[in-house]
Amino acid sequence: MHKFLCSLLSGLLAVAAVCLPIGSSVAAEQQISRTGITIPEDTVLQLELMNFLESKRNKVGDTVSVKLLEAVSVADEVIIPKGTVLEGYLKKVQKGKLLSQKGVIRMRLKDYYLPNGYLLRLNNEEIKFSGDMNYTSLAAGVAVPFAGLAFKGKNVSCKPGMQFKYKLAHDVAVERY
């Protein structure tokens, strides 16, 4: 009987030794998949502008902030919480020009470190703000051909608190840091 109990115990220990690494590798795989989160392109972000933007006065390199109005989730898990403030800088600032060319401001988003230990790789996502066509020049161009060419396009002017939607142009990787 003693011999039987010893062999049973050694058999159970052998099974436990084999099963333990399997269980820990499953946990490791779950961690790896958890660190490999991707926010897919075409995900729409609800944003609010935090700074005043104007193509007449802003310059390339100016810092701009936007606040997330709705959380971003992947597979029912919140990845970026509501209220997160993302920062970027102005990559292009163009005033309205003659020939009815409208003003343009392009903002490039920076990577962002989330408080939960993840890094958003924003791949230099660009948000474009543009001025509307100058309606005077449009009307003049219709009434008298080529008359609209002498009018300036409208400049960009965006107030803080302006809400807008932005669709991601690329997949955004979310990595542990």
C-alpha atoms as a PDB file:
ATOM      1  CA  MET A   1       0.000   0.000   0.000  1.00  0.00           C
ATOM      2  CA  HIS A   2       2.860   2.332   0.881  1.00  0.00           C
ATOM      3  CA  LYS A   3       4.465   1.609  -2.490  1.00  0.00           C
ATOM      4  CA  PHE A   4       1.129   2.362  -4.240  1.00  0.00           C
ATOM      5  CA  LEU A   5       0.738   5.747  -2.443  1.00  0.00           C
ATOM      6  CA  CYS A   6       4.313   6.735  -3.293  1.00  0.00           C
ATOM      7  CA  SER A   7       3.852   5.928  -6.968  1.00  0.00           C
ATOM      8  CA  LEU A   8       0.475   7.740  -7.011  1.00  0.00           C
ATOM      9  CA  LEU A   9       2.009  10.799  -5.361  1.00  0.00           C
ATOM     10  CA  SER A  10       4.988  10.830  -7.732  1.00  0.00           C
ATOM     11  CA  GLY A  11       2.588  10.455 -10.671  1.00  0.00           C
ATOM     12  CA  LEU A  12       0.519  13.433  -9.483  1.00  0.00           C
ATOM     13  CA  LEU A  13       3.690  15.495  -9.034  1.00  0.00           C
ATOM     14  CA  ALA A  14       4.794  14.610 -12.556  1.00  0.00           C
ATOM     15  CA  VAL A  15       1.399  15.638 -13.956  1.00  0.00           C
ATOM     16  CA  ALA A  16       1.525  18.903 -11.970  1.00  0.00           C
ATOM     17  CA  ALA A  17       5.054  19.600 -13.238  1.00  0.00           C
ATOM     18  CA  VAL A  18       3.867  19.115 -16.826  1.00  0.00           C
ATOM     19  CA  CYS A  19       0.660  21.160 -16.380  1.00  0.00           C
ATOM     20  CA  LEU A  20       2.211  24.077 -14.546  1.00  0.00           C
ATOM     21  CA  PRO A  21       4.326  25.357 -17.468  1.00  0.00           C
ATOM     22  CA  ILE A  22       1.329  24.942 -19.794  1.00  0.00           C
ATOM     23  CA  GLY A  23      -0.840  27.079 -17.531  1.00  0.00           C
ATOM     24  CA  SER A  24       1.822  29.792 -17.202  1.00  0.00           C
ATOM     25  CA  SER A  25       2.389  29.894 -20.975  1.00  0.00           C
ATOM     26  CA  VAL A  26      -1.361  30.410 -21.486  1.00  0.00           C
ATOM     27  CA  ALA A  27      -1.199  33.354 -19.075  1.00  0.00           C
ATOM     28  CA  ALA A  28       1.822  34.696 -20.978  1.00  0.00           C
ATOM     29  CA  GLU A  29      -0.078  34.383 -24.280  1.00  0.00           C
ATOM     30  CA  GLN A  30      -3.009  36.312 -22.794  1.00  0.00           C
ATOM     31  CA  GLN A  31      -0.627  39.092 -21.729  1.00  0.00           C
ATOM     32  CA  ILE A  32       0.955  39.198 -25.173  1.00  0.00           C
ATOM     33  CA  SER A  33      -2.442  39.485 -26.870  1.00  0.00           C
ATOM     34  CA  ARG A  34      -3.427  42.141 -24.317  1.00  0.00           C
ATOM     35  CA  THR A  35      -0.370  44.242 -25.169  1.00  0.00           C
ATOM     36  CA  GLY A  36      -1.018  43.890 -28.906  1.00  0.00           C
ATOM     37  CA  ILE A  37      -4.211  45.962 -29.021  1.00  0.00           C
ATOM     38  CA  THR A  38      -4.985  47.790 -32.258  1.00  0.00           C
ATOM     39  CA  ILE A  39      -7.532  50.549 -32.736  1.00  0.00           C
ATOM     40  CA  PRO A  40      -8.589  50.003 -36.351  1.00  0.00           C
ATOM     41  CA  GLU A  41      -8.417  52.661 -39.036  1.00  0.00           C
ATOM     42  CA  ASP A  42     -11.765  54.312 -39.785  1.00  0.00           C
ATOM     43  CA  THR A  43     -12.518  54.460 -36.040  1.00  0.00           C
ATOM     44  CA  VAL A  44     -14.293  57.779 -35.487  1.00  0.00           C
ATOM     45  CA  LEU A  45     -13.070  59.971 -32.627  1.00  0.00           C
ATOM     46  CA  GLN A  46     -15.435  62.565 -31.138  1.00  0.00           C
ATOM     47  CA  LEU A  47     -13.179  65.527 -30.332  1.00  0.00           C
ATOM     48  CA  GLU A  48     -13.325  69.027 -28.871  1.00  0.00           C
ATOM     49  CA  LEU A  49     -10.775  71.689 -29.778  1.00  0.00           C
ATOM     50  CA  MET A  50      -9.052  73.174 -26.721  1.00  0.00           C
ATOM     51  CA  ASN A  51      -7.223  76.073 -28.443  1.00  0.00           C
ATOM     52  CA  PHE A  52      -8.136  78.952 -30.736  1.00  0.00           C
ATOM     53  CA  LEU A  53      -6.964  78.289 -34.299  1.00  0.00           C
ATOM     54  CA  GLU A  54      -6.713  80.956 -36.974  1.00  0.00           C
ATOM     55  CA  SER A  55      -4.806  80.710 -40.217  1.00  0.00           C
ATOM     56  CA  LYS A  56      -3.977  84.444 -40.001  1.00  0.00           C
ATOM     57  CA  ARG A  57      -2.117  84.181 -36.690  1.00  0.00           C
ATOM     58  CA  ASN A  58      -1.056  80.582 -35.939  1.00  0.00           C
ATOM     59  CA  LYS A  59       2.314  79.289 -37.099  1.00  0.00           C
ATOM     60  CA  VAL A  60       3.801  75.930 -38.009  1.00  0.00           C
ATOM     61  CA  GLY A  61       4.970  74.215 -34.817  1.00  0.00           C
ATOM     62  CA  ASP A  62       2.298  75.717 -32.520  1.00  0.00           C
ATOM     63  CA  THR A  63       0.977  73.188 -29.976  1.00  0.00           C
ATOM     64  CA  VAL A  64      -2.721  72.302 -30.119  1.00  0.00           C
ATOM     65  CA  SER A  65      -4.822  70.115 -27.812  1.00  0.00           C
ATOM     66  CA  VAL A  66      -8.024  68.183 -28.427  1.00  0.00           C
ATOM     67  CA  LYS A  67     -10.194  66.413 -25.830  1.00  0.00           C
ATOM     68  CA  LEU A  68     -11.879  63.065 -26.436  1.00  0.00           C
ATOM     69  CA  LEU A  69     -15.655  63.402 -25.898  1.00  0.00           C
ATOM     70  CA  GLU A  70     -16.416  59.663 -26.040  1.00  0.00           C
ATOM     71  CA  ALA A  71     -14.288  56.745 -24.854  1.00  0.00           C
ATOM     72  CA  VAL A  72     -12.637  54.575 -27.507  1.00  0.00           C
ATOM     73  CA  SER A  73     -13.220  50.848 -26.981  1.00  0.00           C
ATOM     74  CA  VAL A  74     -11.899  47.735 -28.678  1.00  0.00           C
ATOM     75  CA  ALA A  75     -13.688  44.420 -28.040  1.00  0.00           C
ATOM     76  CA  ASP A  76     -15.803  46.048 -25.303  1.00  0.00           C
ATOM     77  CA  GLU A  77     -12.697  47.228 -23.403  1.00  0.00           C
ATOM     78  CA  VAL A  78     -12.133  50.969 -22.951  1.00  0.00           C
ATOM     79  CA  ILE A  79      -8.726  51.761 -24.419  1.00  0.00           C
ATOM     80  CA  ILE A  80      -8.810  55.580 -24.344  1.00  0.00           C
ATOM     81  CA  PRO A  81     -11.055  57.031 -21.634  1.00  0.00           C
ATOM     82  CA  LYS A  82     -13.486  59.864 -22.239  1.00  0.00           C
ATOM     83  CA  GLY A  83     -11.897  63.226 -21.366  1.00  0.00           C
ATOM     84  CA  THR A  84      -8.386  62.225 -22.487  1.00  0.00           C
ATOM     85  CA  VAL A  85      -6.534  65.250 -23.885  1.00  0.00           C
ATOM     86  CA  LEU A  86      -4.401  64.485 -26.945  1.00  0.00           C
ATOM     87  CA  GLU A  87      -1.758  66.923 -28.111  1.00  0.00           C
ATOM     88  CA  GLY A  88      -0.373  67.751 -31.477  1.00  0.00           C
ATOM     89  CA  TYR A  89       1.419  70.461 -33.365  1.00  0.00           C
ATOM     90  CA  LEU A  90       0.612  72.472 -36.467  1.00  0.00           C
ATOM     91  CA  LYS A  91       2.307  70.997 -39.515  1.00  0.00           C
ATOM     92  CA  LYS A  92       0.880  73.409 -42.075  1.00  0.00           C
ATOM     93  CA  VAL A  93      -0.715  76.850 -41.786  1.00  0.00           C
ATOM     94  CA  GLN A  94      -1.857  78.578 -44.978  1.00  0.00           C
ATOM     95  CA  LYS A  95      -3.805  81.828 -45.105  1.00  0.00           C
ATOM     96  CA  GLY A  96      -6.615  82.383 -47.577  1.00  0.00           C
ATOM     97  CA  LYS A  97      -5.122  83.530 -50.894  1.00  0.00           C
ATOM     98  CA  LEU A  98      -6.215  85.234 -54.057  1.00  0.00           C
ATOM     99  CA  LEU A  99      -7.882  83.090 -56.671  1.00  0.00           C
ATOM    100  CA  SER A 100     -10.357  82.029 -53.980  1.00  0.00           C
ATOM    101  CA  GLN A 101      -7.875  79.610 -52.416  1.00  0.00           C
ATOM    102  CA  LYS A 102      -9.132  78.831 -48.909  1.00  0.00           C
ATOM    103  CA  GLY A 103      -6.999  78.800 -45.765  1.00  0.00           C
ATOM    104  CA  VAL A 104      -5.793  75.473 -44.376  1.00  0.00           C
ATOM    105  CA  ILE A 105      -4.427  74.306 -41.024  1.00  0.00           C
ATOM    106  CA  ARG A 106      -3.054  70.779 -40.583  1.00  0.00           C
ATOM    107  CA  MET A 107      -2.532  69.434 -37.078  1.00  0.00           C
ATOM    108  CA  ARG A 108      -0.407  66.319 -36.501  1.00  0.00           C
ATOM    109  CA  LEU A 109      -1.216  64.243 -33.389  1.00  0.00           C
ATOM    110  CA  LYS A 110       1.636  63.082 -31.140  1.00  0.00           C
ATOM    111  CA  ASP A 111       1.954  59.641 -29.538  1.00  0.00           C
ATOM    112  CA  TYR A 112       0.256  59.552 -26.152  1.00  0.00           C
ATOM    113  CA  TYR A 113       1.109  57.770 -22.897  1.00  0.00           C
ATOM    114  CA  LEU A 114      -2.081  56.601 -21.173  1.00  0.00           C
ATOM    115  CA  PRO A 115      -2.187  56.488 -17.354  1.00  0.00           C
ATOM    116  CA  ASN A 116      -2.979  52.737 -17.498  1.00  0.00           C
ATOM    117  CA  GLY A 117       0.553  51.970 -18.793  1.00  0.00           C
ATOM    118  CA  TYR A 118      -0.173  51.893 -22.524  1.00  0.00           C
ATOM    119  CA  LEU A 119       1.332  53.959 -25.337  1.00  0.00           C
ATOM    120  CA  LEU A 120      -0.863  55.039 -28.267  1.00  0.00           C
ATOM    121  CA  ARG A 121       1.176  55.012 -31.465  1.00  0.00           C
ATOM    122  CA  LEU A 122      -0.806  57.632 -33.383  1.00  0.00           C
ATOM    123  CA  ASN A 123       1.326  57.319 -36.548  1.00  0.00           C
ATOM    124  CA  ASN A 124       1.316  61.078 -37.038  1.00  0.00           C
ATOM    125  CA  GLU A 125      -2.430  61.170 -37.668  1.00  0.00           C
ATOM    126  CA  GLU A 126      -3.304  64.518 -39.294  1.00  0.00           C
ATOM    127  CA  ILE A 127      -6.405  66.567 -38.685  1.00  0.00           C
ATOM    128  CA  LYS A 128      -7.201  69.121 -41.381  1.00  0.00           C
ATOM    129  CA  PHE A 129      -9.131  72.333 -40.777  1.00  0.00           C
ATOM    130  CA  SER A 130     -10.005  74.408 -43.840  1.00  0.00           C
ATOM    131  CA  GLY A 131     -11.733  77.700 -44.548  1.00  0.00           C
ATOM    132  CA  ASP A 132     -14.918  77.790 -46.600  1.00  0.00           C
ATOM    133  CA  MET A 133     -15.051  79.173 -50.094  1.00  0.00           C
ATOM    134  CA  ASN A 134     -15.626  82.901 -50.118  1.00  0.00           C
ATOM    135  CA  TYR A 135     -19.277  83.144 -51.255  1.00  0.00           C
ATOM    136  CA  THR A 136     -18.724  86.608 -52.713  1.00  0.00           C
ATOM    137  CA  SER A 137     -16.098  85.256 -55.064  1.00  0.00           C
ATOM    138  CA  LEU A 138     -18.312  82.298 -55.947  1.00  0.00           C
ATOM    139  CA  ALA A 139     -21.234  84.610 -56.831  1.00  0.00           C
ATOM    140  CA  ALA A 140     -18.968  86.939 -58.805  1.00  0.00           C
ATOM    141  CA  GLY A 141     -17.444  83.977 -60.639  1.00  0.00           C
ATOM    142  CA  VAL A 142     -20.885  82.797 -61.684  1.00  0.00           C
ATOM    143  CA  ALA A 143     -22.113  86.267 -62.707  1.00  0.00           C
ATOM    144  CA  VAL A 144     -18.994  87.303 -64.589  1.00  0.00           C
ATOM    145  CA  PRO A 145     -16.659  84.503 -65.667  1.00  0.00           C
ATOM    146  CA  PHE A 146     -13.161  84.805 -64.109  1.00  0.00           C
ATOM    147  CA  ALA A 147     -14.251  87.720 -61.875  1.00  0.00           C
ATOM    148  CA  GLY A 148     -13.943  85.449 -58.814  1.00  0.00           C
ATOM    149  CA  LEU A 149     -10.222  85.106 -59.419  1.00  0.00           C
ATOM    150  CA  ALA A 150      -9.579  88.477 -57.754  1.00  0.00           C
ATOM    151  CA  PHE A 151     -11.205  87.474 -54.445  1.00  0.00           C
ATOM    152  CA  LYS A 152      -9.439  85.895 -51.490  1.00  0.00           C
ATOM    153  CA  GLY A 153     -10.451  82.545 -50.064  1.00  0.00           C
ATOM    154  CA  LYS A 154     -11.721  82.416 -46.505  1.00  0.00           C
ATOM    155  CA  ASN A 155      -9.263  81.922 -43.630  1.00  0.00           C
ATOM    156  CA  VAL A 156      -9.591  79.175 -41.035  1.00  0.00           C
ATOM    157  CA  SER A 157     -11.002  80.327 -37.716  1.00  0.00           C
ATOM    158  CA  CYS A 158     -11.890  77.726 -35.051  1.00  0.00           C
ATOM    159  CA  LYS A 159     -12.864  78.603 -31.485  1.00  0.00           C
ATOM    160  CA  PRO A 160     -12.041  76.532 -28.398  1.00  0.00           C
ATOM    161  CA  GLY A 161     -14.940  74.218 -27.596  1.00  0.00           C
ATOM    162  CA  MET A 162     -15.609  73.445 -31.272  1.00  0.00           C
ATOM    163  CA  GLN A 163     -16.682  69.809 -31.508  1.00  0.00           C
ATOM    164  CA  PHE A 164     -15.891  67.661 -34.520  1.00  0.00           C
ATOM    165  CA  LYS A 165     -15.419  64.069 -35.654  1.00  0.00           C
ATOM    166  CA  TYR A 166     -12.154  62.642 -36.926  1.00  0.00           C
ATOM    167  CA  LYS A 167     -11.818  59.277 -38.656  1.00  0.00           C
ATOM    168  CA  LEU A 168      -8.459  57.541 -38.090  1.00  0.00           C
ATOM    169  CA  ALA A 169      -6.521  57.190 -41.353  1.00  0.00           C
ATOM    170  CA  HIS A 170      -4.317  54.356 -39.994  1.00  0.00           C
ATOM    171  CA  ASP A 171      -4.445  51.542 -37.469  1.00  0.00           C
ATOM    172  CA  VAL A 172      -3.306  52.809 -34.051  1.00  0.00           C
ATOM    173  CA  ALA A 173      -1.116  50.378 -32.104  1.00  0.00           C
ATOM    174  CA  VAL A 174      -1.528  50.333 -28.332  1.00  0.00           C
ATOM    175  CA  GLU A 175       1.597  48.992 -26.581  1.00  0.00           C
ATOM    176  CA  ARG A 176       2.757  48.539 -22.993  1.00  0.00           C
ATOM    177  CA  TYR A 177       5.465  50.978 -21.924  1.00  0.00           C
END
